[in-house]
Amino acid sequence: MSIRLQIAALIFMMVQGVVFGVGVVIVLASPLKAFAAQLIPLVIGVSVLLSVPAAWMIAPLMRSSHQRQMSKLSSHP
């Protein structure tokens, strides 16, 4: 399993939670709350689908910042 996939798997649930939270707030804070029983399962599915590519794109950024920090630590005597 690649490092990018491992980092993306760790990030996925955090990203999914944020996307789900935004979706639920949009549904419940608007006139759409009358259809909440039908829309919240849709929000769950959409949040999962949006979180996969988002976590995949964030993973290299997390790795590069960690690598920069580690290279700074190892270069100083």
PDB file of N, CA and C in Angstrom:
ATOM      1  N   MET A   1       0.854  -1.170   0.000  1.00  0.00           N
ATOM      2  CA  MET A   1       0.000   0.000   0.000  1.00  0.00           C
ATOM      3  C   MET A   1       0.903   1.237   0.000  1.00  0.00           C
ATOM      4  N   SER A   2       0.634   2.156  -0.910  1.00  0.00           N
ATOM      5  CA  SER A   2       1.478   3.344  -1.021  1.00  0.00           C
ATOM      6  C   SER A   2       1.264   4.289   0.158  1.00  0.00           C
ATOM      7  N   ILE A   3       2.258   5.118   0.379  1.00  0.00           N
ATOM      8  CA  ILE A   3       2.170   6.105   1.462  1.00  0.00           C
ATOM      9  C   ILE A   3       1.015   7.066   1.193  1.00  0.00           C
ATOM     10  N   ARG A   4       0.837   7.462  -0.076  1.00  0.00           N
ATOM     11  CA  ARG A   4      -0.249   8.388  -0.424  1.00  0.00           C
ATOM     12  C   ARG A   4      -1.606   7.781  -0.084  1.00  0.00           C
ATOM     13  N   LEU A   5      -1.784   6.513  -0.377  1.00  0.00           N
ATOM     14  CA  LEU A   5      -3.049   5.841  -0.066  1.00  0.00           C
ATOM     15  C   LEU A   5      -3.265   5.749   1.439  1.00  0.00           C
ATOM     16  N   GLN A   6      -2.219   5.485   2.188  1.00  0.00           N
ATOM     17  CA  GLN A   6      -2.339   5.411   3.645  1.00  0.00           C
ATOM     18  C   GLN A   6      -2.728   6.763   4.237  1.00  0.00           C
ATOM     19  N   ILE A   7      -2.089   7.824   3.756  1.00  0.00           N
ATOM     20  CA  ILE A   7      -2.419   9.160   4.248  1.00  0.00           C
ATOM     21  C   ILE A   7      -3.836   9.528   3.834  1.00  0.00           C
ATOM     22  N   ALA A   8      -4.213   9.221   2.592  1.00  0.00           N
ATOM     23  CA  ALA A   8      -5.569   9.526   2.121  1.00  0.00           C
ATOM     24  C   ALA A   8      -6.618   8.784   2.941  1.00  0.00           C
ATOM     25  N   ALA A   9      -6.324   7.554   3.331  1.00  0.00           N
ATOM     26  CA  ALA A   9      -7.272   6.791   4.152  1.00  0.00           C
ATOM     27  C   ALA A   9      -7.456   7.436   5.521  1.00  0.00           C
ATOM     28  N   LEU A  10      -6.380   7.980   6.082  1.00  0.00           N
ATOM     29  CA  LEU A  10      -6.482   8.659   7.372  1.00  0.00           C
ATOM     30  C   LEU A  10      -7.259   9.973   7.259  1.00  0.00           C
ATOM     31  N   ILE A  11      -7.042  10.679   6.175  1.00  0.00           N
ATOM     32  CA  ILE A  11      -7.676  11.984   5.971  1.00  0.00           C
ATOM     33  C   ILE A  11      -9.136  11.834   5.569  1.00  0.00           C
ATOM     34  N   PHE A  12      -9.484  10.735   4.908  1.00  0.00           N
ATOM     35  CA  PHE A  12     -10.815  10.560   4.328  1.00  0.00           C
ATOM     36  C   PHE A  12     -11.942  10.817   5.329  1.00  0.00           C
ATOM     37  N   MET A  13     -11.876  10.219   6.501  1.00  0.00           N
ATOM     38  CA  MET A  13     -12.974  10.359   7.455  1.00  0.00           C
ATOM     39  C   MET A  13     -13.119  11.794   7.965  1.00  0.00           C
ATOM     40  N   MET A  14     -12.022  12.493   8.114  1.00  0.00           N
ATOM     41  CA  MET A  14     -12.109  13.892   8.543  1.00  0.00           C
ATOM     42  C   MET A  14     -12.740  14.758   7.459  1.00  0.00           C
ATOM     43  N   VAL A  15     -12.308  14.541   6.217  1.00  0.00           N
ATOM     44  CA  VAL A  15     -12.879  15.295   5.100  1.00  0.00           C
ATOM     45  C   VAL A  15     -14.355  14.947   4.941  1.00  0.00           C
ATOM     46  N   GLN A  16     -14.685  13.682   5.051  1.00  0.00           N
ATOM     47  CA  GLN A  16     -16.070  13.243   4.900  1.00  0.00           C
ATOM     48  C   GLN A  16     -16.949  13.846   5.982  1.00  0.00           C
ATOM     49  N   GLY A  17     -16.444  13.929   7.193  1.00  0.00           N
ATOM     50  CA  GLY A  17     -17.206  14.531   8.286  1.00  0.00           C
ATOM     51  C   GLY A  17     -17.495  16.001   8.047  1.00  0.00           C
ATOM     52  N   VAL A  18     -16.521  16.722   7.527  1.00  0.00           N
ATOM     53  CA  VAL A  18     -16.714  18.140   7.241  1.00  0.00           C
ATOM     54  C   VAL A  18     -17.710  18.327   6.100  1.00  0.00           C
ATOM     55  N   VAL A  19     -17.552  17.561   5.033  1.00  0.00           N
ATOM     56  CA  VAL A  19     -18.461  17.677   3.890  1.00  0.00           C
ATOM     57  C   VAL A  19     -19.879  17.293   4.300  1.00  0.00           C
ATOM     58  N   PHE A  20     -20.017  16.229   5.085  1.00  0.00           N
ATOM     59  CA  PHE A  20     -21.337  15.827   5.573  1.00  0.00           C
ATOM     60  C   PHE A  20     -21.949  16.913   6.442  1.00  0.00           C
ATOM     61  N   GLY A  21     -21.158  17.480   7.339  1.00  0.00           N
ATOM     62  CA  GLY A  21     -21.658  18.533   8.215  1.00  0.00           C
ATOM     63  C   GLY A  21     -22.148  19.741   7.452  1.00  0.00           C
ATOM     64  N   VAL A  22     -21.403  20.153   6.443  1.00  0.00           N
ATOM     65  CA  VAL A  22     -21.820  21.287   5.612  1.00  0.00           C
ATOM     66  C   VAL A  22     -23.123  20.951   4.892  1.00  0.00           C
ATOM     67  N   GLY A  23     -23.209  19.746   4.361  1.00  0.00           N
ATOM     68  CA  GLY A  23     -24.429  19.338   3.657  1.00  0.00           C
ATOM     69  C   GLY A  23     -25.643  19.295   4.561  1.00  0.00           C
ATOM     70  N   VAL A  24     -25.486  18.781   5.764  1.00  0.00           N
ATOM     71  CA  VAL A  24     -26.608  18.698   6.703  1.00  0.00           C
ATOM     72  C   VAL A  24     -27.043  20.093   7.145  1.00  0.00           C
ATOM     73  N   VAL A  25     -26.085  20.980   7.373  1.00  0.00           N
ATOM     74  CA  VAL A  25     -26.441  22.349   7.754  1.00  0.00           C
ATOM     75  C   VAL A  25     -27.212  23.025   6.619  1.00  0.00           C
ATOM     76  N   ILE A  26     -26.787  22.811   5.394  1.00  0.00           N
ATOM     77  CA  ILE A  26     -27.508  23.389   4.255  1.00  0.00           C
ATOM     78  C   ILE A  26     -28.933  22.861   4.202  1.00  0.00           C
ATOM     79  N   VAL A  27     -29.104  21.575   4.410  1.00  0.00           N
ATOM     80  CA  VAL A  27     -30.451  20.982   4.354  1.00  0.00           C
ATOM     81  C   VAL A  27     -31.313  21.484   5.510  1.00  0.00           C
ATOM     82  N   LEU A  28     -30.763  21.470   6.715  1.00  0.00           N
ATOM     83  CA  LEU A  28     -31.581  21.788   7.885  1.00  0.00           C
ATOM     84  C   LEU A  28     -31.782  23.287   8.120  1.00  0.00           C
ATOM     85  N   ALA A  29     -30.934  24.117   7.546  1.00  0.00           N
ATOM     86  CA  ALA A  29     -31.057  25.559   7.759  1.00  0.00           C
ATOM     87  C   ALA A  29     -31.754  26.251   6.589  1.00  0.00           C
ATOM     88  N   SER A  30     -32.380  25.492   5.738  1.00  0.00           N
ATOM     89  CA  SER A  30     -33.055  26.067   4.581  1.00  0.00           C
ATOM     90  C   SER A  30     -34.471  25.493   4.500  1.00  0.00           C
ATOM     91  N   PRO A  31     -35.241  25.978   3.575  1.00  0.00           N
ATOM     92  CA  PRO A  31     -36.582  25.407   3.404  1.00  0.00           C
ATOM     93  C   PRO A  31     -36.585  23.925   2.986  1.00  0.00           C
ATOM     94  N   LEU A  32     -35.410  23.398   2.690  1.00  0.00           N
ATOM     95  CA  LEU A  32     -35.295  21.981   2.324  1.00  0.00           C
ATOM     96  C   LEU A  32     -35.519  21.049   3.516  1.00  0.00           C
ATOM     97  N   LYS A  33     -35.584  21.612   4.744  1.00  0.00           N
ATOM     98  CA  LYS A  33     -35.734  20.744   5.913  1.00  0.00           C
ATOM     99  C   LYS A  33     -37.054  19.979   5.901  1.00  0.00           C
ATOM    100  N   ALA A  34     -38.011  20.414   5.111  1.00  0.00           N
ATOM    101  CA  ALA A  34     -39.253  19.663   4.978  1.00  0.00           C
ATOM    102  C   ALA A  34     -39.002  18.312   4.298  1.00  0.00           C
ATOM    103  N   PHE A  35     -37.909  18.238   3.539  1.00  0.00           N
ATOM    104  CA  PHE A  35     -37.558  17.003   2.826  1.00  0.00           C
ATOM    105  C   PHE A  35     -36.314  16.343   3.428  1.00  0.00           C
ATOM    106  N   ALA A  36     -36.030  16.646   4.690  1.00  0.00           N
ATOM    107  CA  ALA A  36     -34.799  16.164   5.321  1.00  0.00           C
ATOM    108  C   ALA A  36     -34.700  14.639   5.330  1.00  0.00           C
ATOM    109  N   ALA A  37     -35.803  13.960   5.545  1.00  0.00           N
ATOM    110  CA  ALA A  37     -35.763  12.491   5.602  1.00  0.00           C
ATOM    111  C   ALA A  37     -35.292  11.891   4.278  1.00  0.00           C
ATOM    112  N   GLN A  38     -35.585  12.548   3.188  1.00  0.00           N
ATOM    113  CA  GLN A  38     -35.150  12.064   1.878  1.00  0.00           C
ATOM    114  C   GLN A  38     -33.766  12.602   1.505  1.00  0.00           C
ATOM    115  N   LEU A  39     -33.442  13.817   1.956  1.00  0.00           N
ATOM    116  CA  LEU A  39     -32.205  14.450   1.520  1.00  0.00           C
ATOM    117  C   LEU A  39     -30.983  14.038   2.322  1.00  0.00           C
ATOM    118  N   ILE A  40     -31.131  13.727   3.599  1.00  0.00           N
ATOM    119  CA  ILE A  40     -29.954  13.389   4.409  1.00  0.00           C
ATOM    120  C   ILE A  40     -29.264  12.111   3.918  1.00  0.00           C
ATOM    121  N   PRO A  41     -29.987  11.058   3.532  1.00  0.00           N
ATOM    122  CA  PRO A  41     -29.266   9.918   2.924  1.00  0.00           C
ATOM    123  C   PRO A  41     -28.523  10.305   1.634  1.00  0.00           C
ATOM    124  N   LEU A  42     -29.097  11.226   0.882  1.00  0.00           N
ATOM    125  CA  LEU A  42     -28.427  11.716  -0.323  1.00  0.00           C
ATOM    126  C   LEU A  42     -27.164  12.496   0.051  1.00  0.00           C
ATOM    127  N   VAL A  43     -27.249  13.286   1.102  1.00  0.00           N
ATOM    128  CA  VAL A  43     -26.081  14.038   1.580  1.00  0.00           C
ATOM    129  C   VAL A  43     -24.980  13.075   2.001  1.00  0.00           C
ATOM    130  N   ILE A  44     -25.335  11.983   2.640  1.00  0.00           N
ATOM    131  CA  ILE A  44     -24.334  10.988   3.046  1.00  0.00           C
ATOM    132  C   ILE A  44     -23.608  10.435   1.822  1.00  0.00           C
ATOM    133  N   GLY A  45     -24.360  10.028   0.822  1.00  0.00           N
ATOM    134  CA  GLY A  45     -23.753   9.470  -0.388  1.00  0.00           C
ATOM    135  C   GLY A  45     -22.880  10.475  -1.123  1.00  0.00           C
ATOM    136  N   VAL A  46     -23.369  11.688  -1.249  1.00  0.00           N
ATOM    137  CA  VAL A  46     -22.602  12.719  -1.945  1.00  0.00           C
ATOM    138  C   VAL A  46     -21.339  13.064  -1.166  1.00  0.00           C
ATOM    139  N   SER A  47     -21.433  13.091   0.159  1.00  0.00           N
ATOM    140  CA  SER A  47     -20.247  13.419   0.950  1.00  0.00           C
ATOM    141  C   SER A  47     -19.177  12.336   0.818  1.00  0.00           C
ATOM    142  N   VAL A  48     -19.578  11.096   0.737  1.00  0.00           N
ATOM    143  CA  VAL A  48     -18.601  10.017   0.531  1.00  0.00           C
ATOM    144  C   VAL A  48     -17.953  10.158  -0.836  1.00  0.00           C
ATOM    145  N   LEU A  49     -18.765  10.418  -1.859  1.00  0.00           N
ATOM    146  CA  LEU A  49     -18.234  10.531  -3.221  1.00  0.00           C
ATOM    147  C   LEU A  49     -17.311  11.739  -3.386  1.00  0.00           C
ATOM    148  N   LEU A  50     -17.597  12.832  -2.723  1.00  0.00           N
ATOM    149  CA  LEU A  50     -16.744  14.015  -2.821  1.00  0.00           C
ATOM    150  C   LEU A  50     -15.484  13.899  -1.964  1.00  0.00           C
ATOM    151  N   SER A  51     -15.562  13.132  -0.893  1.00  0.00           N
ATOM    152  CA  SER A  51     -14.441  13.027   0.034  1.00  0.00           C
ATOM    153  C   SER A  51     -13.309  12.157  -0.497  1.00  0.00           C
ATOM    154  N   VAL A  52     -13.632  11.196  -1.321  1.00  0.00           N
ATOM    155  CA  VAL A  52     -12.577  10.312  -1.855  1.00  0.00           C
ATOM    156  C   VAL A  52     -11.571  11.110  -2.682  1.00  0.00           C
ATOM    157  N   PRO A  53     -11.994  11.859  -3.710  1.00  0.00           N
ATOM    158  CA  PRO A  53     -10.985  12.618  -4.462  1.00  0.00           C
ATOM    159  C   PRO A  53     -10.360  13.751  -3.645  1.00  0.00           C
ATOM    160  N   ALA A  54     -11.114  14.344  -2.737  1.00  0.00           N
ATOM    161  CA  ALA A  54     -10.553  15.418  -1.910  1.00  0.00           C
ATOM    162  C   ALA A  54      -9.423  14.884  -1.034  1.00  0.00           C
ATOM    163  N   ALA A  55      -9.633  13.747  -0.387  1.00  0.00           N
ATOM    164  CA  ALA A  55      -8.588  13.149   0.453  1.00  0.00           C
ATOM    165  C   ALA A  55      -7.384  12.749  -0.393  1.00  0.00           C
ATOM    166  N   TRP A  56      -7.628  12.258  -1.593  1.00  0.00           N
ATOM    167  CA  TRP A  56      -6.546  11.857  -2.490  1.00  0.00           C
ATOM    168  C   TRP A  56      -5.700  13.064  -2.894  1.00  0.00           C
ATOM    169  N   MET A  57      -6.339  14.227  -3.088  1.00  0.00           N
ATOM    170  CA  MET A  57      -5.602  15.431  -3.469  1.00  0.00           C
ATOM    171  C   MET A  57      -4.886  16.059  -2.272  1.00  0.00           C
ATOM    172  N   ILE A  58      -5.423  15.917  -1.074  1.00  0.00           N
ATOM    173  CA  ILE A  58      -4.810  16.499   0.119  1.00  0.00           C
ATOM    174  C   ILE A  58      -3.607  15.682   0.587  1.00  0.00           C
ATOM    175  N   ALA A  59      -3.618  14.387   0.360  1.00  0.00           N
ATOM    176  CA  ALA A  59      -2.574  13.491   0.883  1.00  0.00           C
ATOM    177  C   ALA A  59      -1.155  13.913   0.498  1.00  0.00           C
ATOM    178  N   PRO A  60      -0.862  14.231  -0.755  1.00  0.00           N
ATOM    179  CA  PRO A  60       0.521  14.637  -1.073  1.00  0.00           C
ATOM    180  C   PRO A  60       0.920  15.941  -0.377  1.00  0.00           C
ATOM    181  N   LEU A  61      -0.041  16.818  -0.150  1.00  0.00           N
ATOM    182  CA  LEU A  61       0.269  18.068   0.542  1.00  0.00           C
ATOM    183  C   LEU A  61       0.677  17.799   1.984  1.00  0.00           C
ATOM    184  N   MET A  62       0.016  16.855   2.621  1.00  0.00           N
ATOM    185  CA  MET A  62       0.360  16.498   3.997  1.00  0.00           C
ATOM    186  C   MET A  62       1.737  15.847   4.052  1.00  0.00           C
ATOM    187  N   ARG A  63       2.029  15.012   3.080  1.00  0.00           N
ATOM    188  CA  ARG A  63       3.322  14.338   3.057  1.00  0.00           C
ATOM    189  C   ARG A  63       4.445  15.327   2.789  1.00  0.00           C
ATOM    190  N   SER A  64       4.239  16.264   1.888  1.00  0.00           N
ATOM    191  CA  SER A  64       5.311  17.199   1.558  1.00  0.00           C
ATOM    192  C   SER A  64       5.630  18.110   2.736  1.00  0.00           C
ATOM    193  N   SER A  65       4.623  18.525   3.501  1.00  0.00           N
ATOM    194  CA  SER A  65       4.916  19.373   4.655  1.00  0.00           C
ATOM    195  C   SER A  65       5.680  18.585   5.711  1.00  0.00           C
ATOM    196  N   HIS A  66       5.344  17.319   5.877  1.00  0.00           N
ATOM    197  CA  HIS A  66       6.070  16.482   6.834  1.00  0.00           C
ATOM    198  C   HIS A  66       7.501  16.276   6.366  1.00  0.00           C
ATOM    199  N   GLN A  67       7.698  16.062   5.074  1.00  0.00           N
ATOM    200  CA  GLN A  67       9.049  15.860   4.558  1.00  0.00           C
ATOM    201  C   GLN A  67       9.893  17.118   4.706  1.00  0.00           C
ATOM    202  N   ARG A  68       9.286  18.300   4.523  1.00  0.00           N
ATOM    203  CA  ARG A  68      10.032  19.545   4.711  1.00  0.00           C
ATOM    204  C   ARG A  68      10.475  19.690   6.162  1.00  0.00           C
ATOM    205  N   GLN A  69       9.582  19.349   7.086  1.00  0.00           N
ATOM    206  CA  GLN A  69       9.934  19.457   8.498  1.00  0.00           C
ATOM    207  C   GLN A  69      11.054  18.479   8.852  1.00  0.00           C
ATOM    208  N   MET A  70      10.970  17.273   8.327  1.00  0.00           N
ATOM    209  CA  MET A  70      11.985  16.271   8.639  1.00  0.00           C
ATOM    210  C   MET A  70      13.334  16.644   8.021  1.00  0.00           C
ATOM    211  N   SER A  71      13.326  17.226   6.818  1.00  0.00           N
ATOM    212  CA  SER A  71      14.586  17.603   6.202  1.00  0.00           C
ATOM    213  C   SER A  71      15.234  18.771   6.943  1.00  0.00           C
ATOM    214  N   LYS A  72      14.421  19.675   7.504  1.00  0.00           N
ATOM    215  CA  LYS A  72      14.978  20.767   8.298  1.00  0.00           C
ATOM    216  C   LYS A  72      15.624  20.228   9.562  1.00  0.00           C
ATOM    217  N   LEU A  73      14.982  19.244  10.199  1.00  0.00           N
ATOM    218  CA  LEU A  73      15.513  18.672  11.433  1.00  0.00           C
ATOM    219  C   LEU A  73      16.803  17.907  11.186  1.00  0.00           C
ATOM    220  N   SER A  74      16.875  17.190  10.081  1.00  0.00           N
ATOM    221  CA  SER A  74      18.053  16.359   9.820  1.00  0.00           C
ATOM    222  C   SER A  74      19.208  17.184   9.277  1.00  0.00           C
ATOM    223  N   SER A  75      18.957  18.373   8.711  1.00  0.00           N
ATOM    224  CA  SER A  75      20.049  19.168   8.149  1.00  0.00           C
ATOM    225  C   SER A  75      20.777  19.988   9.199  1.00  0.00           C
ATOM    226  N   HIS A  76      20.130  20.217  10.355  1.00  0.00           N
ATOM    227  CA  HIS A  76      20.793  20.970  11.411  1.00  0.00           C
ATOM    228  C   HIS A  76      21.622  20.047  12.294  1.00  0.00           C
ATOM    229  N   PRO A  77      22.860  20.465  12.579  1.00  0.00           N
ATOM    230  CA  PRO A  77      23.719  19.593  13.416  1.00  0.00           C
ATOM    231  C   PRO A  77      23.313  19.571  14.860  1.00  0.00           C
TER     232      PRO A  77
END
